[in-house]
Amino acid sequence: MQELLEFIAKSMVTDPDAVEVTLEEKENAIMLQLHVAEEDMGKVIGKQGRIAKAIRTVMKAAVGGNGKKVIVDIE
């Protein structure tokens, strides 16, 4: 899960070394925090948040139907 988000983020930014993903698992949710360089924020968020929404959709699909909610926070 964490590796998938890291791979997606690194493939779209100009500074892949600055990408960090932290995972926090709770009883009913999985929280992923994505840290990227300041100049890459626009690339990860996209126009009107379309890229961020697509990333969240992919991550929800990766979890599957195990009943856990996936939260992707981009910082």
PDB file of N, CA and C in Angstrom:
ATOM      1  N   MET A   1       0.822  -1.184   0.000  1.00  0.00           N
ATOM      2  CA  MET A   1       0.000   0.000   0.000  1.00  0.00           C
ATOM      3  C   MET A   1       0.872   1.256   0.000  1.00  0.00           C
ATOM      4  N   GLN A   2       1.756   1.320   0.958  1.00  0.00           N
ATOM      5  CA  GLN A   2       2.647   2.463   1.095  1.00  0.00           C
ATOM      6  C   GLN A   2       3.575   2.565  -0.122  1.00  0.00           C
ATOM      7  N   GLU A   3       4.045   1.432  -0.595  1.00  0.00           N
ATOM      8  CA  GLU A   3       4.942   1.409  -1.748  1.00  0.00           C
ATOM      9  C   GLU A   3       4.233   1.862  -3.015  1.00  0.00           C
ATOM     10  N   LEU A   4       2.960   1.514  -3.155  1.00  0.00           N
ATOM     11  CA  LEU A   4       2.189   1.918  -4.324  1.00  0.00           C
ATOM     12  C   LEU A   4       2.058   3.433  -4.386  1.00  0.00           C
ATOM     13  N   LEU A   5       1.708   4.061  -3.276  1.00  0.00           N
ATOM     14  CA  LEU A   5       1.571   5.519  -3.239  1.00  0.00           C
ATOM     15  C   LEU A   5       2.917   6.185  -3.508  1.00  0.00           C
ATOM     16  N   GLU A   6       3.974   5.630  -2.961  1.00  0.00           N
ATOM     17  CA  GLU A   6       5.309   6.187  -3.181  1.00  0.00           C
ATOM     18  C   GLU A   6       5.701   6.082  -4.650  1.00  0.00           C
ATOM     19  N   PHE A   7       5.400   4.957  -5.286  1.00  0.00           N
ATOM     20  CA  PHE A   7       5.713   4.770  -6.705  1.00  0.00           C
ATOM     21  C   PHE A   7       4.941   5.764  -7.570  1.00  0.00           C
ATOM     22  N   ILE A   8       3.656   5.945  -7.289  1.00  0.00           N
ATOM     23  CA  ILE A   8       2.832   6.878  -8.060  1.00  0.00           C
ATOM     24  C   ILE A   8       3.376   8.295  -7.924  1.00  0.00           C
ATOM     25  N   ALA A   9       3.673   8.702  -6.705  1.00  0.00           N
ATOM     26  CA  ALA A   9       4.146  10.067  -6.467  1.00  0.00           C
ATOM     27  C   ALA A   9       5.511  10.307  -7.103  1.00  0.00           C
ATOM     28  N   LYS A  10       6.423   9.359  -6.956  1.00  0.00           N
ATOM     29  CA  LYS A  10       7.764   9.536  -7.502  1.00  0.00           C
ATOM     30  C   LYS A  10       7.762   9.611  -9.016  1.00  0.00           C
ATOM     31  N   SER A  11       6.797   8.963  -9.659  1.00  0.00           N
ATOM     32  CA  SER A  11       6.767   8.962 -11.114  1.00  0.00           C
ATOM     33  C   SER A  11       6.241  10.269 -11.693  1.00  0.00           C
ATOM     34  N   MET A  12       5.645  11.124 -10.880  1.00  0.00           N
ATOM     35  CA  MET A  12       5.096  12.363 -11.430  1.00  0.00           C
ATOM     36  C   MET A  12       5.791  13.632 -10.958  1.00  0.00           C
ATOM     37  N   VAL A  13       6.716  13.556 -10.019  1.00  0.00           N
ATOM     38  CA  VAL A  13       7.373  14.758  -9.506  1.00  0.00           C
ATOM     39  C   VAL A  13       8.760  14.932 -10.121  1.00  0.00           C
ATOM     40  N   THR A  14       9.312  16.137  -9.991  1.00  0.00           N
ATOM     41  CA  THR A  14      10.654  16.397 -10.514  1.00  0.00           C
ATOM     42  C   THR A  14      11.739  16.063  -9.495  1.00  0.00           C
ATOM     43  N   ASP A  15      11.382  16.013  -8.220  1.00  0.00           N
ATOM     44  CA  ASP A  15      12.336  15.682  -7.160  1.00  0.00           C
ATOM     45  C   ASP A  15      11.864  14.428  -6.424  1.00  0.00           C
ATOM     46  N   PRO A  16      12.102  13.236  -6.994  1.00  0.00           N
ATOM     47  CA  PRO A  16      11.605  12.009  -6.365  1.00  0.00           C
ATOM     48  C   PRO A  16      12.266  11.687  -5.029  1.00  0.00           C
ATOM     49  N   ASP A  17      13.441  12.255  -4.763  1.00  0.00           N
ATOM     50  CA  ASP A  17      14.106  12.001  -3.489  1.00  0.00           C
ATOM     51  C   ASP A  17      13.378  12.660  -2.318  1.00  0.00           C
ATOM     52  N   ALA A  18      12.572  13.674  -2.595  1.00  0.00           N
ATOM     53  CA  ALA A  18      11.850  14.392  -1.542  1.00  0.00           C
ATOM     54  C   ALA A  18      10.528  13.719  -1.171  1.00  0.00           C
ATOM     55  N   VAL A  19      10.138  12.682  -1.897  1.00  0.00           N
ATOM     56  CA  VAL A  19       8.865  12.012  -1.639  1.00  0.00           C
ATOM     57  C   VAL A  19       8.988  11.113  -0.415  1.00  0.00           C
ATOM     58  N   GLU A  20       8.069  11.299   0.528  1.00  0.00           N
ATOM     59  CA  GLU A  20       8.012  10.456   1.722  1.00  0.00           C
ATOM     60  C   GLU A  20       6.566  10.067   1.970  1.00  0.00           C
ATOM     61  N   VAL A  21       6.354   8.818   2.313  1.00  0.00           N
ATOM     62  CA  VAL A  21       5.007   8.335   2.620  1.00  0.00           C
ATOM     63  C   VAL A  21       5.045   7.690   4.001  1.00  0.00           C
ATOM     64  N   THR A  22       4.123   8.137   4.853  1.00  0.00           N
ATOM     65  CA  THR A  22       4.002   7.515   6.176  1.00  0.00           C
ATOM     66  C   THR A  22       2.623   6.873   6.273  1.00  0.00           C
ATOM     67  N   LEU A  23       2.576   5.741   6.937  1.00  0.00           N
ATOM     68  CA  LEU A  23       1.344   4.971   7.055  1.00  0.00           C
ATOM     69  C   LEU A  23       0.965   4.857   8.524  1.00  0.00           C
ATOM     70  N   GLU A  24      -0.289   5.139   8.803  1.00  0.00           N
ATOM     71  CA  GLU A  24      -0.817   4.972  10.153  1.00  0.00           C
ATOM     72  C   GLU A  24      -2.093   4.155  10.031  1.00  0.00           C
ATOM     73  N   GLU A  25      -2.110   3.014  10.671  1.00  0.00           N
ATOM     74  CA  GLU A  25      -3.255   2.118  10.564  1.00  0.00           C
ATOM     75  C   GLU A  25      -4.070   2.171  11.850  1.00  0.00           C
ATOM     76  N   LYS A  26      -5.341   2.443  11.703  1.00  0.00           N
ATOM     77  CA  LYS A  26      -6.261   2.464  12.833  1.00  0.00           C
ATOM     78  C   LYS A  26      -7.221   1.294  12.678  1.00  0.00           C
ATOM     79  N   GLU A  27      -8.125   1.130  13.613  1.00  0.00           N
ATOM     80  CA  GLU A  27      -9.001  -0.045  13.578  1.00  0.00           C
ATOM     81  C   GLU A  27      -9.942  -0.073  12.376  1.00  0.00           C
ATOM     82  N   ASN A  28     -10.386   1.091  11.895  1.00  0.00           N
ATOM     83  CA  ASN A  28     -11.308   1.097  10.759  1.00  0.00           C
ATOM     84  C   ASN A  28     -10.822   1.974   9.605  1.00  0.00           C
ATOM     85  N   ALA A  29      -9.571   2.447   9.659  1.00  0.00           N
ATOM     86  CA  ALA A  29      -9.066   3.326   8.608  1.00  0.00           C
ATOM     87  C   ALA A  29      -7.561   3.162   8.427  1.00  0.00           C
ATOM     88  N   ILE A  30      -7.123   3.432   7.225  1.00  0.00           N
ATOM     89  CA  ILE A  30      -5.705   3.466   6.905  1.00  0.00           C
ATOM     90  C   ILE A  30      -5.402   4.889   6.467  1.00  0.00           C
ATOM     91  N   MET A  31      -4.491   5.546   7.161  1.00  0.00           N
ATOM     92  CA  MET A  31      -4.151   6.931   6.840  1.00  0.00           C
ATOM     93  C   MET A  31      -2.756   6.977   6.242  1.00  0.00           C
ATOM     94  N   LEU A  32      -2.675   7.514   5.040  1.00  0.00           N
ATOM     95  CA  LEU A  32      -1.403   7.666   4.340  1.00  0.00           C
ATOM     96  C   LEU A  32      -1.108   9.153   4.210  1.00  0.00           C
ATOM     97  N   GLN A  33       0.071   9.566   4.633  1.00  0.00           N
ATOM     98  CA  GLN A  33       0.480  10.951   4.495  1.00  0.00           C
ATOM     99  C   GLN A  33       1.583  11.023   3.450  1.00  0.00           C
ATOM    100  N   LEU A  34       1.363  11.844   2.447  1.00  0.00           N
ATOM    101  CA  LEU A  34       2.303  12.003   1.348  1.00  0.00           C
ATOM    102  C   LEU A  34       2.982  13.357   1.477  1.00  0.00           C
ATOM    103  N   HIS A  35       4.300  13.344   1.572  1.00  0.00           N
ATOM    104  CA  HIS A  35       5.094  14.570   1.644  1.00  0.00           C
ATOM    105  C   HIS A  35       5.889  14.682   0.346  1.00  0.00           C
ATOM    106  N   VAL A  36       5.761  15.830  -0.330  1.00  0.00           N
ATOM    107  CA  VAL A  36       6.528  16.089  -1.547  1.00  0.00           C
ATOM    108  C   VAL A  36       7.185  17.461  -1.415  1.00  0.00           C
ATOM    109  N   ALA A  37       8.115  17.756  -2.312  1.00  0.00           N
ATOM    110  CA  ALA A  37       8.769  19.063  -2.324  1.00  0.00           C
ATOM    111  C   ALA A  37       7.743  20.146  -2.643  1.00  0.00           C
ATOM    112  N   GLU A  38       8.006  21.331  -2.159  1.00  0.00           N
ATOM    113  CA  GLU A  38       7.079  22.458  -2.329  1.00  0.00           C
ATOM    114  C   GLU A  38       6.774  22.740  -3.800  1.00  0.00           C
ATOM    115  N   GLU A  39       7.799  22.644  -4.661  1.00  0.00           N
ATOM    116  CA  GLU A  39       7.584  22.944  -6.079  1.00  0.00           C
ATOM    117  C   GLU A  39       6.818  21.839  -6.809  1.00  0.00           C
ATOM    118  N   ASP A  40       6.659  20.679  -6.194  1.00  0.00           N
ATOM    119  CA  ASP A  40       5.932  19.574  -6.812  1.00  0.00           C
ATOM    120  C   ASP A  40       4.488  19.449  -6.342  1.00  0.00           C
ATOM    121  N   MET A  41       4.058  20.310  -5.433  1.00  0.00           N
ATOM    122  CA  MET A  41       2.697  20.225  -4.901  1.00  0.00           C
ATOM    123  C   MET A  41       1.649  20.338  -6.003  1.00  0.00           C
ATOM    124  N   GLY A  42       1.844  21.246  -6.935  1.00  0.00           N
ATOM    125  CA  GLY A  42       0.885  21.429  -8.021  1.00  0.00           C
ATOM    126  C   GLY A  42       0.761  20.208  -8.908  1.00  0.00           C
ATOM    127  N   LYS A  43       1.856  19.507  -9.116  1.00  0.00           N
ATOM    128  CA  LYS A  43       1.834  18.305  -9.953  1.00  0.00           C
ATOM    129  C   LYS A  43       1.064  17.179  -9.282  1.00  0.00           C
ATOM    130  N   VAL A  44       1.167  17.089  -7.967  1.00  0.00           N
ATOM    131  CA  VAL A  44       0.502  16.009  -7.237  1.00  0.00           C
ATOM    132  C   VAL A  44      -0.979  16.310  -7.029  1.00  0.00           C
ATOM    133  N   ILE A  45      -1.310  17.577  -6.866  1.00  0.00           N
ATOM    134  CA  ILE A  45      -2.712  17.949  -6.640  1.00  0.00           C
ATOM    135  C   ILE A  45      -3.472  18.075  -7.962  1.00  0.00           C
ATOM    136  N   GLY A  46      -2.874  18.718  -8.959  1.00  0.00           N
ATOM    137  CA  GLY A  46      -3.509  18.862 -10.262  1.00  0.00           C
ATOM    138  C   GLY A  46      -4.536  19.972 -10.286  1.00  0.00           C
ATOM    139  N   LYS A  47      -5.042  20.262 -11.472  1.00  0.00           N
ATOM    140  CA  LYS A  47      -6.055  21.304 -11.623  1.00  0.00           C
ATOM    141  C   LYS A  47      -7.335  20.875 -10.927  1.00  0.00           C
ATOM    142  N   GLN A  48      -7.820  21.747 -10.053  1.00  0.00           N
ATOM    143  CA  GLN A  48      -9.040  21.510  -9.274  1.00  0.00           C
ATOM    144  C   GLN A  48      -8.983  20.202  -8.492  1.00  0.00           C
ATOM    145  N   GLY A  49      -7.772  19.733  -8.174  1.00  0.00           N
ATOM    146  CA  GLY A  49      -7.614  18.543  -7.355  1.00  0.00           C
ATOM    147  C   GLY A  49      -7.873  17.230  -8.067  1.00  0.00           C
ATOM    148  N   ARG A  50      -7.841  17.241  -9.387  1.00  0.00           N
ATOM    149  CA  ARG A  50      -8.168  16.028 -10.140  1.00  0.00           C
ATOM    150  C   ARG A  50      -7.142  14.917  -9.950  1.00  0.00           C
ATOM    151  N   ILE A  51      -5.860  15.266  -9.930  1.00  0.00           N
ATOM    152  CA  ILE A  51      -4.820  14.243  -9.749  1.00  0.00           C
ATOM    153  C   ILE A  51      -4.920  13.661  -8.343  1.00  0.00           C
ATOM    154  N   ALA A  52      -5.106  14.524  -7.338  1.00  0.00           N
ATOM    155  CA  ALA A  52      -5.237  14.049  -5.954  1.00  0.00           C
ATOM    156  C   ALA A  52      -6.437  13.118  -5.812  1.00  0.00           C
ATOM    157  N   LYS A  53      -7.524  13.455  -6.456  1.00  0.00           N
ATOM    158  CA  LYS A  53      -8.722  12.610  -6.400  1.00  0.00           C
ATOM    159  C   LYS A  53      -8.457  11.258  -7.075  1.00  0.00           C
ATOM    160  N   ALA A  54      -7.734  11.276  -8.177  1.00  0.00           N
ATOM    161  CA  ALA A  54      -7.404  10.031  -8.873  1.00  0.00           C
ATOM    162  C   ALA A  54      -6.487   9.152  -8.019  1.00  0.00           C
ATOM    163  N   ILE A  55      -5.524   9.779  -7.337  1.00  0.00           N
ATOM    164  CA  ILE A  55      -4.632   9.024  -6.448  1.00  0.00           C
ATOM    165  C   ILE A  55      -5.446   8.373  -5.337  1.00  0.00           C
ATOM    166  N   ARG A  56      -6.367   9.117  -4.750  1.00  0.00           N
ATOM    167  CA  ARG A  56      -7.203   8.574  -3.675  1.00  0.00           C
ATOM    168  C   ARG A  56      -8.060   7.414  -4.177  1.00  0.00           C
ATOM    169  N   THR A  57      -8.576   7.518  -5.396  1.00  0.00           N
ATOM    170  CA  THR A  57      -9.393   6.457  -5.975  1.00  0.00           C
ATOM    171  C   THR A  57      -8.571   5.184  -6.174  1.00  0.00           C
ATOM    172  N   VAL A  58      -7.357   5.333  -6.678  1.00  0.00           N
ATOM    173  CA  VAL A  58      -6.483   4.169  -6.884  1.00  0.00           C
ATOM    174  C   VAL A  58      -6.154   3.511  -5.554  1.00  0.00           C
ATOM    175  N   MET A  59      -5.889   4.306  -4.538  1.00  0.00           N
ATOM    176  CA  MET A  59      -5.543   3.755  -3.234  1.00  0.00           C
ATOM    177  C   MET A  59      -6.739   3.030  -2.612  1.00  0.00           C
ATOM    178  N   LYS A  60      -7.943   3.551  -2.802  1.00  0.00           N
ATOM    179  CA  LYS A  60      -9.145   2.871  -2.299  1.00  0.00           C
ATOM    180  C   LYS A  60      -9.348   1.543  -3.015  1.00  0.00           C
ATOM    181  N   ALA A  61      -9.072   1.523  -4.310  1.00  0.00           N
ATOM    182  CA  ALA A  61      -9.208   0.279  -5.069  1.00  0.00           C
ATOM    183  C   ALA A  61      -8.149  -0.738  -4.648  1.00  0.00           C
ATOM    184  N   ALA A  62      -6.964  -0.266  -4.277  1.00  0.00           N
ATOM    185  CA  ALA A  62      -5.889  -1.174  -3.861  1.00  0.00           C
ATOM    186  C   ALA A  62      -6.221  -1.872  -2.548  1.00  0.00           C
ATOM    187  N   VAL A  63      -6.960  -1.197  -1.679  1.00  0.00           N
ATOM    188  CA  VAL A  63      -7.351  -1.797  -0.401  1.00  0.00           C
ATOM    189  C   VAL A  63      -8.364  -2.904  -0.636  1.00  0.00           C
ATOM    190  N   GLY A  64      -9.200  -2.711  -1.604  1.00  0.00           N
ATOM    191  CA  GLY A  64     -10.207  -3.721  -1.902  1.00  0.00           C
ATOM    192  C   GLY A  64     -11.391  -3.622  -0.965  1.00  0.00           C
ATOM    193  N   GLY A  65     -12.059  -4.721  -0.731  1.00  0.00           N
ATOM    194  CA  GLY A  65     -13.274  -4.718   0.070  1.00  0.00           C
ATOM    195  C   GLY A  65     -13.060  -5.219   1.481  1.00  0.00           C
ATOM    196  N   ASN A  66     -11.985  -4.793   2.134  1.00  0.00           N
ATOM    197  CA  ASN A  66     -11.761  -5.274   3.493  1.00  0.00           C
ATOM    198  C   ASN A  66     -12.469  -4.424   4.547  1.00  0.00           C
ATOM    199  N   GLY A  67     -13.279  -3.455   4.139  1.00  0.00           N
ATOM    200  CA  GLY A  67     -14.069  -2.665   5.073  1.00  0.00           C
ATOM    201  C   GLY A  67     -13.338  -1.513   5.720  1.00  0.00           C
ATOM    202  N   LYS A  68     -12.093  -1.262   5.326  1.00  0.00           N
ATOM    203  CA  LYS A  68     -11.341  -0.148   5.898  1.00  0.00           C
ATOM    204  C   LYS A  68     -11.409   1.058   4.981  1.00  0.00           C
ATOM    205  N   LYS A  69     -11.479   2.228   5.597  1.00  0.00           N
ATOM    206  CA  LYS A  69     -11.486   3.483   4.865  1.00  0.00           C
ATOM    207  C   LYS A  69     -10.052   3.909   4.622  1.00  0.00           C
ATOM    208  N   VAL A  70      -9.764   4.444   3.442  1.00  0.00           N
ATOM    209  CA  VAL A  70      -8.423   4.908   3.104  1.00  0.00           C
ATOM    210  C   VAL A  70      -8.435   6.428   3.033  1.00  0.00           C
ATOM    211  N   ILE A  71      -7.518   7.042   3.766  1.00  0.00           N
ATOM    212  CA  ILE A  71      -7.386   8.497   3.776  1.00  0.00           C
ATOM    213  C   ILE A  71      -5.999   8.831   3.267  1.00  0.00           C
ATOM    214  N   VAL A  72      -5.917   9.626   2.197  1.00  0.00           N
ATOM    215  CA  VAL A  72      -4.634  10.072   1.649  1.00  0.00           C
ATOM    216  C   VAL A  72      -4.539  11.567   1.898  1.00  0.00           C
ATOM    217  N   ASP A  73      -3.568  11.959   2.698  1.00  0.00           N
ATOM    218  CA  ASP A  73      -3.349  13.360   3.047  1.00  0.00           C
ATOM    219  C   ASP A  73      -2.085  13.827   2.363  1.00  0.00           C
ATOM    220  N   ILE A  74      -2.183  14.869   1.550  1.00  0.00           N
ATOM    221  CA  ILE A  74      -1.038  15.386   0.811  1.00  0.00           C
ATOM    222  C   ILE A  74      -0.540  16.633   1.532  1.00  0.00           C
ATOM    223  N   GLU A  75       0.732  16.578   1.950  1.00  0.00           N
ATOM    224  CA  GLU A  75       1.313  17.701   2.690  1.00  0.00           C
ATOM    225  C   GLU A  75       2.499  18.265   1.942  1.00  0.00           C
TER     226      GLU A  75
END
